[in-house]
């Protein structure tokens, strides 16, 4: 993925690693949480895993989107230059 970025705009390796590792850690956490929760039911664990995954992929993404927009608005309003999303320098 890093090599798909334009060469002059490519992130340094360290920043790229931080970005991708937080995504991988989050995905692993959600996966193991879904496996753990699906094992708690006496019904079909696969269907509960699917329900958790769909809720995470829809409502979870909506909550993240809302959170990013609220934080971006606060950062812009308060002029917190170090907290702007996507600014690494």
Protein backbone atom coordinates (compact mmCIF):
# COMPACT_ATOMS: atom_id res chain seq x y z
CA UNK A 1 0.00 0.00 0.00
CA UNK A 2 2.82 2.38 0.80
CA UNK A 3 4.17 2.14 -2.74
CA UNK A 4 0.79 3.17 -4.18
CA UNK A 5 1.24 6.64 -2.63
CA UNK A 6 2.82 9.29 -4.88
CA UNK A 7 6.58 9.25 -4.32
CA UNK A 8 6.77 12.91 -3.29
CA UNK A 9 3.89 12.51 -0.79
CA UNK A 10 4.90 9.12 0.61
CA UNK A 11 4.91 8.88 4.40
CA UNK A 12 8.15 7.95 6.16
CA UNK A 13 8.46 4.27 7.11
CA UNK A 14 7.96 4.95 10.81
CA UNK A 15 4.70 6.86 10.30
CA UNK A 16 3.47 4.28 7.79
CA UNK A 17 4.24 1.50 10.30
CA UNK A 18 2.37 3.31 13.09
CA UNK A 19 -0.68 3.81 10.85
CA UNK A 20 -0.83 0.23 9.64
CA UNK A 21 -0.03 -1.37 12.99
CA UNK A 22 -2.86 0.47 14.77
CA UNK A 23 -5.26 -0.81 12.11
CA UNK A 24 -3.97 -4.37 12.50
CA UNK A 25 -4.14 -4.24 16.31
CA UNK A 26 -7.69 -2.89 16.16
CA UNK A 27 -8.77 -5.60 13.72
CA UNK A 28 -7.22 -8.32 15.89
CA UNK A 29 -8.91 -6.93 19.01
CA UNK A 30 -12.33 -6.86 17.33
CA UNK A 31 -11.84 -10.36 15.92
CA UNK A 32 -10.94 -11.90 19.28
CA UNK A 33 -13.70 -9.96 21.04
CA UNK A 34 -16.21 -11.32 18.52
CA UNK A 35 -14.89 -14.87 18.96
CA UNK A 36 -15.12 -14.53 22.75
CA UNK A 37 -18.64 -13.05 22.65
CA UNK A 38 -19.90 -15.63 20.16
CA UNK A 39 -18.71 -18.42 22.48
CA UNK A 40 -20.89 -17.08 25.32
CA UNK A 41 -24.14 -17.96 23.60
CA UNK A 42 -25.91 -21.29 23.50
CA UNK A 43 -27.14 -20.53 19.99
CA UNK A 44 -25.07 -20.88 16.84
CA UNK A 45 -21.81 -19.02 17.57
CA UNK A 46 -21.24 -18.29 13.87
CA UNK A 47 -24.47 -16.31 13.57
CA UNK A 48 -23.61 -14.25 16.66
CA UNK A 49 -20.12 -13.60 15.25
CA UNK A 50 -21.74 -12.41 12.00
CA UNK A 51 -24.14 -10.12 13.88
CA UNK A 52 -21.25 -8.62 15.90
CA UNK A 53 -19.22 -8.13 12.73
CA UNK A 54 -22.09 -6.42 10.91
CA UNK A 55 -22.80 -4.15 13.90
CA UNK A 56 -19.12 -3.23 14.09
CA UNK A 57 -18.93 -2.58 10.35
CA UNK A 58 -22.03 -0.35 10.34
CA UNK A 59 -22.74 1.25 13.71
CA UNK A 60 -19.08 1.13 14.75
CA UNK A 61 -17.99 2.94 11.60
CA UNK A 62 -20.78 5.49 12.05
CA UNK A 63 -19.65 6.20 15.62
CA UNK A 64 -16.01 6.52 14.52
CA UNK A 65 -17.01 8.88 11.70
CA UNK A 66 -19.05 11.02 14.10
CA UNK A 67 -16.20 11.03 16.63
CA UNK A 68 -13.63 12.10 14.03
CA UNK A 69 -15.93 14.89 12.83
CA UNK A 70 -16.56 16.15 16.37
CA UNK A 71 -12.85 16.07 17.26
CA UNK A 72 -11.96 17.77 13.96
CA UNK A 73 -14.51 20.49 14.65
CA UNK A 74 -13.14 21.08 18.18
CA UNK A 75 -9.54 21.10 16.91
CA UNK A 76 -10.41 23.59 14.18
CA UNK A 77 -12.43 25.81 16.50
CA UNK A 78 -9.79 25.82 19.27
CA UNK A 79 -6.91 26.02 16.73
CA UNK A 80 -5.06 23.00 18.17
CA UNK A 81 -2.54 22.66 15.35
CA UNK A 82 -0.92 19.50 16.77
CA UNK A 83 -4.19 17.53 16.76
CA UNK A 84 -5.18 17.89 13.10
CA UNK A 85 -5.96 14.47 11.57
CA UNK A 86 -3.55 13.42 8.82
CA UNK A 87 -0.94 16.09 9.59
CA UNK A 88 2.33 14.43 10.48
CA UNK A 89 4.82 17.27 10.25
